[in-house]
Amino acid sequence: MKKRIKVKRKLKTKYKILFSFSIIIFTFFYVFQILYTKFLVKLDNETVINQIVNYNLNTKKTPNLFYDILSLNSTHFLLKYTLGIDSLKEEPDEYVSGIEADYIEDPYVNSIKEPIVYIYNSHQTEGYQKSNNASYNITPSVLMASYILRESLNDLGIPSMVETNDIAELLRIHSWKYSYSYAASKILLEDAITKNPTLNYFIDLHRDSMSYEVTTTTIENKKYAKILFVIGKDHEGYEKNKQMAESLDAIIKEKYPGVSRGISLKGGSGVNGIYNQNVSPNAILIEVGGQYNTITEVNNTLNIIADSLYDYIKGEQENEKER
């Protein structure tokens, strides 16, 4: 009898300990959630950048608790960079690539419901200057710029997604040369449309290979990478793509004079002349800065592009309601 009482007491004690432990764990996560929600956006950018770099240097991609909880929606923390080395290539046509960067995985994969903007890079390896980030041995790229633009648009309430499939790998699979990049990106673009029927705007993000003086401007002591809209005129209906570019160009020139270099119409021999813009009248190509620009200058401009796209898309939606 005494033994049974002792056993019961031991069980009660264990249950009490287990219950107390459960309460402690629940309280911890509850308090953590409150603090996380309230103070997350105040995290230092440098800390987040280090986490992103560490994630991409970790080839095994082992789980990282700090990384897992950093599902941030802030834009400025996304000054991310790609792994890679500087390498200069010279080609005789429009496919001059300049500084190259390796492909980088998206360290902040968020499932966006019913995206309306699709951001991709036919030339994912186009890189920017390392500048003061040389200590990381990393190279910023247009793919990273796409991640930043996506977050900026999502912050503004414009659901957006980035094409994260490796286009270089797709070229290798098909044994295609670099000049077939637009054919490769079109495969991914059409697949994205099939899987996401809500997509309505398509932006192919690039960077130029012009001089720093041509691709940079200063507004109130702050440097910006200039942008250039490129429209291919070797397909029927290109005028509608041109209209979208003209509208965005007008918004930017009115609100941020000096940032836009205008619109370049391309066609004929030696150029692609279509740039996948025959897929939709709302498909455009934007060159953000050049190979000599820093990711900070590019980021400053991406905020402008996001703001202008917001104005344009909201205007289109209002016009649609009135019809």
C-alpha atoms as a PDB file:
ATOM      1  CA  MET A   1       0.000   0.000   0.000  1.00  0.00           C
ATOM      2  CA  LYS A   2       2.774   2.391   0.946  1.00  0.00           C
ATOM      3  CA  LYS A   3       4.550   1.556  -2.309  1.00  0.00           C
ATOM      4  CA  ARG A   4       1.422   2.440  -4.313  1.00  0.00           C
ATOM      5  CA  ILE A   5       1.117   5.770  -2.516  1.00  0.00           C
ATOM      6  CA  LYS A   6       4.779   6.512  -3.227  1.00  0.00           C
ATOM      7  CA  VAL A   7       4.307   5.639  -6.913  1.00  0.00           C
ATOM      8  CA  LYS A   8       1.239   7.894  -7.111  1.00  0.00           C
ATOM      9  CA  ARG A   9       3.136  10.734  -5.469  1.00  0.00           C
ATOM     10  CA  LYS A  10       6.015  10.322  -7.893  1.00  0.00           C
ATOM     11  CA  LEU A  11       3.590  10.385 -10.837  1.00  0.00           C
ATOM     12  CA  LYS A  12       1.876  13.498  -9.485  1.00  0.00           C
ATOM     13  CA  THR A  13       5.256  15.156  -9.051  1.00  0.00           C
ATOM     14  CA  LYS A  14       6.231  14.282 -12.636  1.00  0.00           C
ATOM     15  CA  TYR A  15       2.927  15.610 -13.970  1.00  0.00           C
ATOM     16  CA  LYS A  16       3.361  18.825 -11.995  1.00  0.00           C
ATOM     17  CA  ILE A  17       6.877  19.282 -13.357  1.00  0.00           C
ATOM     18  CA  LEU A  18       5.689  18.564 -16.900  1.00  0.00           C
ATOM     19  CA  PHE A  19       2.761  20.965 -16.531  1.00  0.00           C
ATOM     20  CA  SER A  20       5.001  23.683 -15.095  1.00  0.00           C
ATOM     21  CA  PHE A  21       7.510  23.173 -17.877  1.00  0.00           C
ATOM     22  CA  SER A  22       4.743  23.451 -20.487  1.00  0.00           C
ATOM     23  CA  ILE A  23       3.536  26.711 -18.935  1.00  0.00           C
ATOM     24  CA  ILE A  24       7.087  28.101 -18.995  1.00  0.00           C
ATOM     25  CA  ILE A  25       7.561  27.140 -22.660  1.00  0.00           C
ATOM     26  CA  PHE A  26       4.185  28.599 -23.649  1.00  0.00           C
ATOM     27  CA  THR A  27       4.907  31.839 -21.769  1.00  0.00           C
ATOM     28  CA  PHE A  28       8.337  32.108 -23.366  1.00  0.00           C
ATOM     29  CA  PHE A  29       6.999  31.802 -26.894  1.00  0.00           C
ATOM     30  CA  TYR A  30       4.095  34.135 -26.161  1.00  0.00           C
ATOM     31  CA  VAL A  31       6.406  36.843 -24.820  1.00  0.00           C
ATOM     32  CA  PHE A  32       8.878  36.181 -27.637  1.00  0.00           C
ATOM     33  CA  GLN A  33       6.120  36.651 -30.228  1.00  0.00           C
ATOM     34  CA  ILE A  34       5.150  40.016 -28.717  1.00  0.00           C
ATOM     35  CA  LEU A  35       8.757  41.226 -28.629  1.00  0.00           C
ATOM     36  CA  TYR A  36       9.402  39.799 -32.099  1.00  0.00           C
ATOM     37  CA  THR A  37       6.427  41.665 -33.580  1.00  0.00           C
ATOM     38  CA  LYS A  38       7.208  44.903 -31.769  1.00  0.00           C
ATOM     39  CA  PHE A  39      10.969  45.174 -32.208  1.00  0.00           C
ATOM     40  CA  LEU A  40      11.851  43.063 -35.261  1.00  0.00           C
ATOM     41  CA  VAL A  41      12.103  45.910 -37.745  1.00  0.00           C
ATOM     42  CA  LYS A  42      14.695  47.557 -35.504  1.00  0.00           C
ATOM     43  CA  LEU A  43      17.253  44.809 -36.131  1.00  0.00           C
ATOM     44  CA  ASP A  44      20.547  46.120 -37.399  1.00  0.00           C
ATOM     45  CA  ASN A  45      21.018  45.723 -41.162  1.00  0.00           C
ATOM     46  CA  GLU A  46      24.582  44.511 -40.715  1.00  0.00           C
ATOM     47  CA  THR A  47      23.408  41.622 -38.536  1.00  0.00           C
ATOM     48  CA  VAL A  48      20.899  40.512 -41.145  1.00  0.00           C
ATOM     49  CA  ILE A  49      23.402  40.827 -43.986  1.00  0.00           C
ATOM     50  CA  ASN A  50      25.826  38.627 -42.066  1.00  0.00           C
ATOM     51  CA  GLN A  51      23.115  36.008 -41.658  1.00  0.00           C
ATOM     52  CA  ILE A  52      22.344  36.086 -45.384  1.00  0.00           C
ATOM     53  CA  VAL A  53      26.010  35.777 -46.272  1.00  0.00           C
ATOM     54  CA  ASN A  54      26.489  32.916 -43.812  1.00  0.00           C
ATOM     55  CA  TYR A  55      23.452  31.150 -45.220  1.00  0.00           C
ATOM     56  CA  ASN A  56      24.814  31.307 -48.759  1.00  0.00           C
ATOM     57  CA  LEU A  57      28.310  30.307 -47.706  1.00  0.00           C
ATOM     58  CA  ASN A  58      26.822  27.235 -46.056  1.00  0.00           C
ATOM     59  CA  THR A  59      26.689  24.823 -48.986  1.00  0.00           C
ATOM     60  CA  LYS A  60      24.855  22.186 -46.940  1.00  0.00           C
ATOM     61  CA  LYS A  61      22.124  24.721 -46.127  1.00  0.00           C
ATOM     62  CA  THR A  62      21.681  23.380 -42.603  1.00  0.00           C
ATOM     63  CA  PRO A  63      18.788  24.917 -40.628  1.00  0.00           C
ATOM     64  CA  ASN A  64      19.606  28.104 -38.803  1.00  0.00           C
ATOM     65  CA  LEU A  65      17.274  29.175 -35.981  1.00  0.00           C
ATOM     66  CA  PHE A  66      18.162  32.834 -36.363  1.00  0.00           C
ATOM     67  CA  TYR A  67      17.514  32.627 -40.109  1.00  0.00           C
ATOM     68  CA  ASP A  68      14.198  30.811 -39.599  1.00  0.00           C
ATOM     69  CA  ILE A  69      12.745  33.552 -37.406  1.00  0.00           C
ATOM     70  CA  LEU A  70      13.878  36.390 -39.661  1.00  0.00           C
ATOM     71  CA  SER A  71      10.912  36.451 -42.032  1.00  0.00           C
ATOM     72  CA  LEU A  72      11.137  40.217 -42.296  1.00  0.00           C
ATOM     73  CA  ASN A  73       8.956  42.468 -44.407  1.00  0.00           C
ATOM     74  CA  SER A  74      11.185  45.524 -44.118  1.00  0.00           C
ATOM     75  CA  THR A  75      12.889  46.622 -47.315  1.00  0.00           C
ATOM     76  CA  HIS A  76      16.129  48.173 -46.185  1.00  0.00           C
ATOM     77  CA  PHE A  77      17.465  45.014 -44.557  1.00  0.00           C
ATOM     78  CA  LEU A  78      17.465  43.402 -48.003  1.00  0.00           C
ATOM     79  CA  LEU A  79      20.800  44.855 -49.069  1.00  0.00           C
ATOM     80  CA  LYS A  80      21.795  41.358 -50.017  1.00  0.00           C
ATOM     81  CA  TYR A  81      24.725  40.212 -52.082  1.00  0.00           C
ATOM     82  CA  THR A  82      25.627  37.311 -54.306  1.00  0.00           C
ATOM     83  CA  LEU A  83      28.548  34.968 -53.994  1.00  0.00           C
ATOM     84  CA  GLY A  84      31.001  35.180 -56.873  1.00  0.00           C
ATOM     85  CA  ILE A  85      34.129  36.625 -58.317  1.00  0.00           C
ATOM     86  CA  ASP A  86      34.667  39.566 -60.622  1.00  0.00           C
ATOM     87  CA  SER A  87      35.178  38.501 -64.168  1.00  0.00           C
ATOM     88  CA  LEU A  88      35.116  40.575 -67.314  1.00  0.00           C
ATOM     89  CA  LYS A  89      33.738  39.228 -70.564  1.00  0.00           C
ATOM     90  CA  GLU A  90      33.751  40.903 -73.898  1.00  0.00           C
ATOM     91  CA  GLU A  91      31.237  39.984 -76.556  1.00  0.00           C
ATOM     92  CA  PRO A  92      30.597  41.735 -79.868  1.00  0.00           C
ATOM     93  CA  ASP A  93      26.849  42.368 -79.450  1.00  0.00           C
ATOM     94  CA  GLU A  94      24.288  43.544 -76.876  1.00  0.00           C
ATOM     95  CA  TYR A  95      25.136  40.644 -74.574  1.00  0.00           C
ATOM     96  CA  VAL A  96      28.180  42.338 -73.042  1.00  0.00           C
ATOM     97  CA  SER A  97      27.953  41.216 -69.436  1.00  0.00           C
ATOM     98  CA  GLY A  98      30.816  42.942 -67.587  1.00  0.00           C
ATOM     99  CA  ILE A  99      31.128  41.937 -63.920  1.00  0.00           C
ATOM    100  CA  GLU A 100      29.581  38.546 -63.287  1.00  0.00           C
ATOM    101  CA  ALA A 101      28.177  37.004 -60.134  1.00  0.00           C
ATOM    102  CA  ASP A 102      27.187  33.481 -59.196  1.00  0.00           C
ATOM    103  CA  TYR A 103      23.569  32.434 -58.822  1.00  0.00           C
ATOM    104  CA  ILE A 104      22.234  32.924 -55.305  1.00  0.00           C
ATOM    105  CA  GLU A 105      19.322  31.223 -53.612  1.00  0.00           C
ATOM    106  CA  ASP A 106      16.548  33.318 -52.149  1.00  0.00           C
ATOM    107  CA  PRO A 107      17.177  33.187 -48.375  1.00  0.00           C
ATOM    108  CA  TYR A 108      13.753  34.684 -47.650  1.00  0.00           C
ATOM    109  CA  VAL A 109      11.290  32.491 -49.512  1.00  0.00           C
ATOM    110  CA  ASN A 110       7.770  33.691 -48.841  1.00  0.00           C
ATOM    111  CA  SER A 111       4.682  32.174 -50.434  1.00  0.00           C
ATOM    112  CA  ILE A 112       2.799  35.091 -51.978  1.00  0.00           C
ATOM    113  CA  LYS A 113      -0.874  34.446 -52.637  1.00  0.00           C
ATOM    114  CA  GLU A 114      -2.204  35.626 -55.993  1.00  0.00           C
ATOM    115  CA  PRO A 115       0.867  37.622 -57.121  1.00  0.00           C
ATOM    116  CA  ILE A 116       0.271  40.204 -59.839  1.00  0.00           C
ATOM    117  CA  VAL A 117       3.898  41.186 -60.515  1.00  0.00           C
ATOM    118  CA  TYR A 118       6.494  38.732 -61.844  1.00  0.00           C
ATOM    119  CA  ILE A 119      10.125  39.846 -61.572  1.00  0.00           C
ATOM    120  CA  TYR A 120      12.805  37.885 -63.375  1.00  0.00           C
ATOM    121  CA  ASN A 121      16.314  38.216 -64.807  1.00  0.00           C
ATOM    122  CA  SER A 122      17.126  36.844 -68.244  1.00  0.00           C
ATOM    123  CA  HIS A 123      20.748  37.588 -67.325  1.00  0.00           C
ATOM    124  CA  GLN A 124      20.832  36.527 -63.666  1.00  0.00           C
ATOM    125  CA  THR A 125      24.627  36.745 -63.372  1.00  0.00           C
ATOM    126  CA  GLU A 126      24.941  40.455 -64.188  1.00  0.00           C
ATOM    127  CA  GLY A 127      26.854  41.856 -61.239  1.00  0.00           C
ATOM    128  CA  TYR A 128      27.463  45.194 -59.542  1.00  0.00           C
ATOM    129  CA  GLN A 129      30.502  46.565 -57.738  1.00  0.00           C
ATOM    130  CA  LYS A 130      31.505  44.984 -54.439  1.00  0.00           C
ATOM    131  CA  SER A 131      32.525  48.375 -53.055  1.00  0.00           C
ATOM    132  CA  ASN A 132      32.919  48.287 -49.256  1.00  0.00           C
ATOM    133  CA  ASN A 133      31.540  44.746 -49.090  1.00  0.00           C
ATOM    134  CA  ALA A 134      34.768  43.242 -50.355  1.00  0.00           C
ATOM    135  CA  SER A 135      35.415  41.741 -46.922  1.00  0.00           C
ATOM    136  CA  TYR A 136      32.530  39.316 -47.586  1.00  0.00           C
ATOM    137  CA  ASN A 137      34.120  38.216 -50.869  1.00  0.00           C
ATOM    138  CA  ILE A 138      30.704  38.601 -52.499  1.00  0.00           C
ATOM    139  CA  THR A 139      29.308  40.276 -55.598  1.00  0.00           C
ATOM    140  CA  PRO A 140      25.887  41.982 -55.688  1.00  0.00           C
ATOM    141  CA  SER A 141      23.752  41.126 -58.726  1.00  0.00           C
ATOM    142  CA  VAL A 142      20.515  41.855 -60.561  1.00  0.00           C
ATOM    143  CA  LEU A 143      19.014  38.735 -58.975  1.00  0.00           C
ATOM    144  CA  MET A 144      19.564  40.250 -55.528  1.00  0.00           C
ATOM    145  CA  ALA A 145      18.087  43.490 -56.844  1.00  0.00           C
ATOM    146  CA  SER A 146      14.990  41.484 -57.827  1.00  0.00           C
ATOM    147  CA  TYR A 147      14.638  40.153 -54.279  1.00  0.00           C
ATOM    148  CA  ILE A 148      14.843  43.698 -52.918  1.00  0.00           C
ATOM    149  CA  LEU A 149      12.301  45.036 -55.440  1.00  0.00           C
ATOM    150  CA  ARG A 150       9.921  42.205 -54.594  1.00  0.00           C
ATOM    151  CA  GLU A 151      10.043  43.057 -50.882  1.00  0.00           C
ATOM    152  CA  SER A 152       9.535  46.759 -51.631  1.00  0.00           C
ATOM    153  CA  LEU A 153       6.442  46.003 -53.701  1.00  0.00           C
ATOM    154  CA  ASN A 154       5.048  43.560 -51.162  1.00  0.00           C
ATOM    155  CA  ASP A 155       5.528  46.198 -48.454  1.00  0.00           C
ATOM    156  CA  LEU A 156       3.411  48.550 -50.561  1.00  0.00           C
ATOM    157  CA  GLY A 157       0.650  45.975 -50.916  1.00  0.00           C
ATOM    158  CA  ILE A 158       1.525  44.889 -54.466  1.00  0.00           C
ATOM    159  CA  PRO A 159       1.834  41.065 -54.295  1.00  0.00           C
ATOM    160  CA  SER A 160       4.972  40.150 -56.225  1.00  0.00           C
ATOM    161  CA  MET A 161       7.165  37.133 -56.903  1.00  0.00           C
ATOM    162  CA  VAL A 162      10.691  36.538 -58.218  1.00  0.00           C
ATOM    163  CA  GLU A 163      11.785  33.820 -60.614  1.00  0.00           C
ATOM    164  CA  THR A 164      14.346  31.833 -58.618  1.00  0.00           C
ATOM    165  CA  ASN A 165      15.130  29.026 -61.061  1.00  0.00           C
ATOM    166  CA  ASP A 166      18.750  29.053 -62.225  1.00  0.00           C
ATOM    167  CA  ILE A 167      18.726  30.209 -65.870  1.00  0.00           C
ATOM    168  CA  ALA A 168      22.387  29.293 -66.357  1.00  0.00           C
ATOM    169  CA  GLU A 169      21.478  25.731 -65.401  1.00  0.00           C
ATOM    170  CA  LEU A 170      18.610  25.793 -67.896  1.00  0.00           C
ATOM    171  CA  LEU A 171      21.028  26.898 -70.614  1.00  0.00           C
ATOM    172  CA  ARG A 172      23.341  24.033 -69.729  1.00  0.00           C
ATOM    173  CA  ILE A 173      20.507  21.509 -69.852  1.00  0.00           C
ATOM    174  CA  HIS A 174      19.565  22.605 -73.375  1.00  0.00           C
ATOM    175  CA  SER A 175      23.196  23.136 -74.461  1.00  0.00           C
ATOM    176  CA  TRP A 176      22.293  26.727 -75.327  1.00  0.00           C
ATOM    177  CA  LYS A 177      24.717  29.649 -75.563  1.00  0.00           C
ATOM    178  CA  TYR A 178      24.393  32.773 -73.404  1.00  0.00           C
ATOM    179  CA  SER A 179      22.592  34.547 -76.262  1.00  0.00           C
ATOM    180  CA  TYR A 180      19.683  32.113 -75.751  1.00  0.00           C
ATOM    181  CA  SER A 181      19.027  33.504 -72.267  1.00  0.00           C
ATOM    182  CA  TYR A 182      15.747  35.084 -73.355  1.00  0.00           C
ATOM    183  CA  ALA A 183      14.540  31.751 -74.718  1.00  0.00           C
ATOM    184  CA  ALA A 184      15.382  30.139 -71.369  1.00  0.00           C
ATOM    185  CA  SER A 185      13.694  32.871 -69.335  1.00  0.00           C
ATOM    186  CA  LYS A 186      10.614  32.653 -71.548  1.00  0.00           C
ATOM    187  CA  ILE A 187      10.187  28.985 -70.617  1.00  0.00           C
ATOM    188  CA  LEU A 188      10.158  29.968 -66.936  1.00  0.00           C
ATOM    189  CA  LEU A 189       7.950  32.996 -67.563  1.00  0.00           C
ATOM    190  CA  GLU A 190       5.260  30.984 -69.348  1.00  0.00           C
ATOM    191  CA  ASP A 191       5.407  28.310 -66.661  1.00  0.00           C
ATOM    192  CA  ALA A 192       4.912  30.993 -63.994  1.00  0.00           C
ATOM    193  CA  ILE A 193       1.864  32.339 -65.855  1.00  0.00           C
ATOM    194  CA  THR A 194       0.357  28.847 -66.008  1.00  0.00           C
ATOM    195  CA  LYS A 195       0.868  28.316 -62.290  1.00  0.00           C
ATOM    196  CA  ASN A 196      -0.093  31.875 -61.279  1.00  0.00           C
ATOM    197  CA  PRO A 197      -3.002  33.097 -63.461  1.00  0.00           C
ATOM    198  CA  THR A 198      -3.235  36.328 -61.432  1.00  0.00           C
ATOM    199  CA  LEU A 199       0.087  37.588 -62.852  1.00  0.00           C
ATOM    200  CA  ASN A 200      -0.430  40.717 -64.931  1.00  0.00           C
ATOM    201  CA  TYR A 201       2.853  42.669 -64.906  1.00  0.00           C
ATOM    202  CA  PHE A 202       6.227  41.290 -65.975  1.00  0.00           C
ATOM    203  CA  ILE A 203       9.566  42.966 -65.290  1.00  0.00           C
ATOM    204  CA  ASP A 204      12.879  41.697 -66.637  1.00  0.00           C
ATOM    205  CA  LEU A 205      15.496  43.378 -64.445  1.00  0.00           C
ATOM    206  CA  HIS A 206      18.961  44.010 -65.912  1.00  0.00           C
ATOM    207  CA  ARG A 207      21.897  46.355 -65.461  1.00  0.00           C
ATOM    208  CA  ASP A 208      23.837  48.289 -68.096  1.00  0.00           C
ATOM    209  CA  SER A 209      27.542  48.150 -68.901  1.00  0.00           C
ATOM    210  CA  MET A 210      27.963  51.905 -69.463  1.00  0.00           C
ATOM    211  CA  SER A 211      30.307  54.164 -67.499  1.00  0.00           C
ATOM    212  CA  TYR A 212      29.619  55.217 -63.912  1.00  0.00           C
ATOM    213  CA  GLU A 213      28.963  58.804 -65.015  1.00  0.00           C
ATOM    214  CA  VAL A 214      26.225  57.647 -67.389  1.00  0.00           C
ATOM    215  CA  THR A 215      24.473  55.301 -64.934  1.00  0.00           C
ATOM    216  CA  THR A 216      24.603  57.440 -61.766  1.00  0.00           C
ATOM    217  CA  THR A 217      22.913  60.587 -60.514  1.00  0.00           C
ATOM    218  CA  THR A 218      22.917  62.531 -57.241  1.00  0.00           C
ATOM    219  CA  ILE A 219      19.810  63.970 -55.598  1.00  0.00           C
ATOM    220  CA  GLU A 220      20.205  65.897 -52.333  1.00  0.00           C
ATOM    221  CA  ASN A 221      23.641  64.369 -51.687  1.00  0.00           C
ATOM    222  CA  LYS A 222      22.271  60.842 -52.200  1.00  0.00           C
ATOM    223  CA  LYS A 223      23.488  58.713 -55.113  1.00  0.00           C
ATOM    224  CA  TYR A 224      21.089  56.751 -57.304  1.00  0.00           C
ATOM    225  CA  ALA A 225      21.649  54.236 -60.085  1.00  0.00           C
ATOM    226  CA  LYS A 226      19.909  55.558 -63.181  1.00  0.00           C
ATOM    227  CA  ILE A 227      17.384  53.397 -64.983  1.00  0.00           C
ATOM    228  CA  LEU A 228      16.703  52.769 -68.661  1.00  0.00           C
ATOM    229  CA  PHE A 229      13.540  51.209 -70.083  1.00  0.00           C
ATOM    230  CA  VAL A 230      14.195  48.875 -73.018  1.00  0.00           C
ATOM    231  CA  ILE A 231      11.367  47.963 -75.400  1.00  0.00           C
ATOM    232  CA  GLY A 232      11.761  45.505 -78.273  1.00  0.00           C
ATOM    233  CA  LYS A 233       9.946  46.599 -81.420  1.00  0.00           C
ATOM    234  CA  ASP A 234      10.333  43.397 -83.434  1.00  0.00           C
ATOM    235  CA  HIS A 235       6.881  42.061 -82.537  1.00  0.00           C
ATOM    236  CA  GLU A 236       3.307  43.113 -83.150  1.00  0.00           C
ATOM    237  CA  GLY A 237       1.749  45.049 -80.341  1.00  0.00           C
ATOM    238  CA  TYR A 238       5.011  46.472 -78.978  1.00  0.00           C
ATOM    239  CA  GLU A 239       3.318  49.881 -78.830  1.00  0.00           C
ATOM    240  CA  LYS A 240       1.365  48.712 -75.752  1.00  0.00           C
ATOM    241  CA  ASN A 241       4.580  47.679 -73.990  1.00  0.00           C
ATOM    242  CA  LYS A 242       5.960  51.081 -74.935  1.00  0.00           C
ATOM    243  CA  GLN A 243       2.913  52.784 -73.408  1.00  0.00           C
ATOM    244  CA  MET A 244       3.555  51.089 -70.060  1.00  0.00           C
ATOM    245  CA  ALA A 245       7.215  52.144 -70.164  1.00  0.00           C
ATOM    246  CA  GLU A 246       6.228  55.699 -71.097  1.00  0.00           C
ATOM    247  CA  SER A 247       3.774  55.908 -68.190  1.00  0.00           C
ATOM    248  CA  LEU A 248       6.375  54.705 -65.669  1.00  0.00           C
ATOM    249  CA  ASP A 249       9.011  56.959 -67.193  1.00  0.00           C
ATOM    250  CA  ALA A 250       6.686  59.963 -66.829  1.00  0.00           C
ATOM    251  CA  ILE A 251       5.926  59.144 -63.175  1.00  0.00           C
ATOM    252  CA  ILE A 252       9.621  58.826 -62.329  1.00  0.00           C
ATOM    253  CA  LYS A 253      10.625  61.981 -64.200  1.00  0.00           C
ATOM    254  CA  GLU A 254       7.927  63.969 -62.417  1.00  0.00           C
ATOM    255  CA  LYS A 255       8.637  62.688 -58.905  1.00  0.00           C
ATOM    256  CA  TYR A 256      12.362  61.916 -59.184  1.00  0.00           C
ATOM    257  CA  PRO A 257      13.931  64.063 -61.927  1.00  0.00           C
ATOM    258  CA  GLY A 258      17.279  62.775 -63.199  1.00  0.00           C
ATOM    259  CA  VAL A 259      16.809  59.110 -62.256  1.00  0.00           C
ATOM    260  CA  SER A 260      15.413  57.883 -65.578  1.00  0.00           C
ATOM    261  CA  ARG A 261      17.481  57.830 -68.756  1.00  0.00           C
ATOM    262  CA  GLY A 262      14.325  57.393 -70.793  1.00  0.00           C
ATOM    263  CA  ILE A 263      13.221  54.642 -73.162  1.00  0.00           C
ATOM    264  CA  SER A 264      15.345  52.742 -75.663  1.00  0.00           C
ATOM    265  CA  LEU A 265      13.540  51.077 -78.572  1.00  0.00           C
ATOM    266  CA  LYS A 266      15.514  48.159 -79.971  1.00  0.00           C
ATOM    267  CA  GLY A 267      15.017  46.123 -83.105  1.00  0.00           C
ATOM    268  CA  GLY A 268      16.735  44.794 -86.189  1.00  0.00           C
ATOM    269  CA  SER A 269      19.904  42.742 -86.530  1.00  0.00           C
ATOM    270  CA  GLY A 270      22.344  42.341 -83.656  1.00  0.00           C
ATOM    271  CA  VAL A 271      19.714  42.673 -80.929  1.00  0.00           C
ATOM    272  CA  ASN A 272      16.979  40.457 -79.529  1.00  0.00           C
ATOM    273  CA  GLY A 273      14.234  42.889 -80.459  1.00  0.00           C
ATOM    274  CA  ILE A 274      11.480  41.105 -78.504  1.00  0.00           C
ATOM    275  CA  TYR A 275      12.747  40.467 -74.952  1.00  0.00           C
ATOM    276  CA  ASN A 276       9.725  38.232 -74.216  1.00  0.00           C
ATOM    277  CA  GLN A 277       7.486  41.308 -74.342  1.00  0.00           C
ATOM    278  CA  ASN A 278       5.187  39.583 -76.836  1.00  0.00           C
ATOM    279  CA  VAL A 279       3.907  37.527 -73.888  1.00  0.00           C
ATOM    280  CA  SER A 280       1.984  40.474 -72.422  1.00  0.00           C
ATOM    281  CA  PRO A 281       1.377  44.176 -73.147  1.00  0.00           C
ATOM    282  CA  ASN A 282       2.473  44.727 -69.528  1.00  0.00           C
ATOM    283  CA  ALA A 283       5.934  43.213 -70.035  1.00  0.00           C
ATOM    284  CA  ILE A 284       8.935  45.540 -69.870  1.00  0.00           C
ATOM    285  CA  LEU A 285      12.688  45.413 -69.413  1.00  0.00           C
ATOM    286  CA  ILE A 286      14.367  47.787 -66.950  1.00  0.00           C
ATOM    287  CA  GLU A 287      18.102  48.319 -66.697  1.00  0.00           C
ATOM    288  CA  VAL A 288      18.981  49.476 -63.177  1.00  0.00           C
ATOM    289  CA  GLY A 289      22.367  51.176 -63.066  1.00  0.00           C
ATOM    290  CA  GLY A 290      25.499  49.631 -64.485  1.00  0.00           C
ATOM    291  CA  GLN A 291      28.364  47.376 -63.519  1.00  0.00           C
ATOM    292  CA  TYR A 292      30.126  50.216 -61.694  1.00  0.00           C
ATOM    293  CA  ASN A 293      27.224  51.021 -59.377  1.00  0.00           C
ATOM    294  CA  THR A 294      27.114  49.813 -55.773  1.00  0.00           C
ATOM    295  CA  ILE A 295      24.236  47.865 -54.284  1.00  0.00           C
ATOM    296  CA  THR A 296      23.412  50.874 -52.076  1.00  0.00           C
ATOM    297  CA  GLU A 297      22.928  53.088 -55.127  1.00  0.00           C
ATOM    298  CA  VAL A 298      20.856  50.354 -56.759  1.00  0.00           C
ATOM    299  CA  ASN A 299      18.751  49.920 -53.619  1.00  0.00           C
ATOM    300  CA  ASN A 300      17.997  53.642 -53.518  1.00  0.00           C
ATOM    301  CA  THR A 301      16.649  53.398 -57.058  1.00  0.00           C
ATOM    302  CA  LEU A 302      14.687  50.203 -56.448  1.00  0.00           C
ATOM    303  CA  ASN A 303      12.626  52.079 -53.860  1.00  0.00           C
ATOM    304  CA  ILE A 304      11.799  54.619 -56.561  1.00  0.00           C
ATOM    305  CA  ILE A 305      10.845  51.898 -59.050  1.00  0.00           C
ATOM    306  CA  ALA A 306       8.607  50.235 -56.459  1.00  0.00           C
ATOM    307  CA  ASP A 307       6.926  53.539 -55.620  1.00  0.00           C
ATOM    308  CA  SER A 308       6.362  54.306 -59.323  1.00  0.00           C
ATOM    309  CA  LEU A 309       5.017  50.826 -60.049  1.00  0.00           C
ATOM    310  CA  TYR A 310       2.635  51.247 -57.130  1.00  0.00           C
ATOM    311  CA  ASP A 311       1.290  54.498 -58.597  1.00  0.00           C
ATOM    312  CA  TYR A 312       1.002  52.982 -62.059  1.00  0.00           C
ATOM    313  CA  ILE A 313      -0.705  49.739 -60.999  1.00  0.00           C
ATOM    314  CA  LYS A 314      -3.129  51.498 -58.658  1.00  0.00           C
ATOM    315  CA  GLY A 315      -3.970  53.894 -61.474  1.00  0.00           C
ATOM    316  CA  GLU A 316      -4.613  50.971 -63.820  1.00  0.00           C
ATOM    317  CA  GLN A 317      -6.825  49.278 -61.239  1.00  0.00           C
ATOM    318  CA  GLU A 318      -8.853  52.458 -60.744  1.00  0.00           C
ATOM    319  CA  ASN A 319      -9.303  52.837 -64.501  1.00  0.00           C
ATOM    320  CA  GLU A 320     -10.440  49.208 -64.715  1.00  0.00           C
ATOM    321  CA  LYS A 321     -13.120  49.830 -62.061  1.00  0.00           C
ATOM    322  CA  GLU A 322     -14.461  52.839 -63.952  1.00  0.00           C
ATOM    323  CA  ARG A 323     -14.894  50.865 -67.198  1.00  0.00           C
END
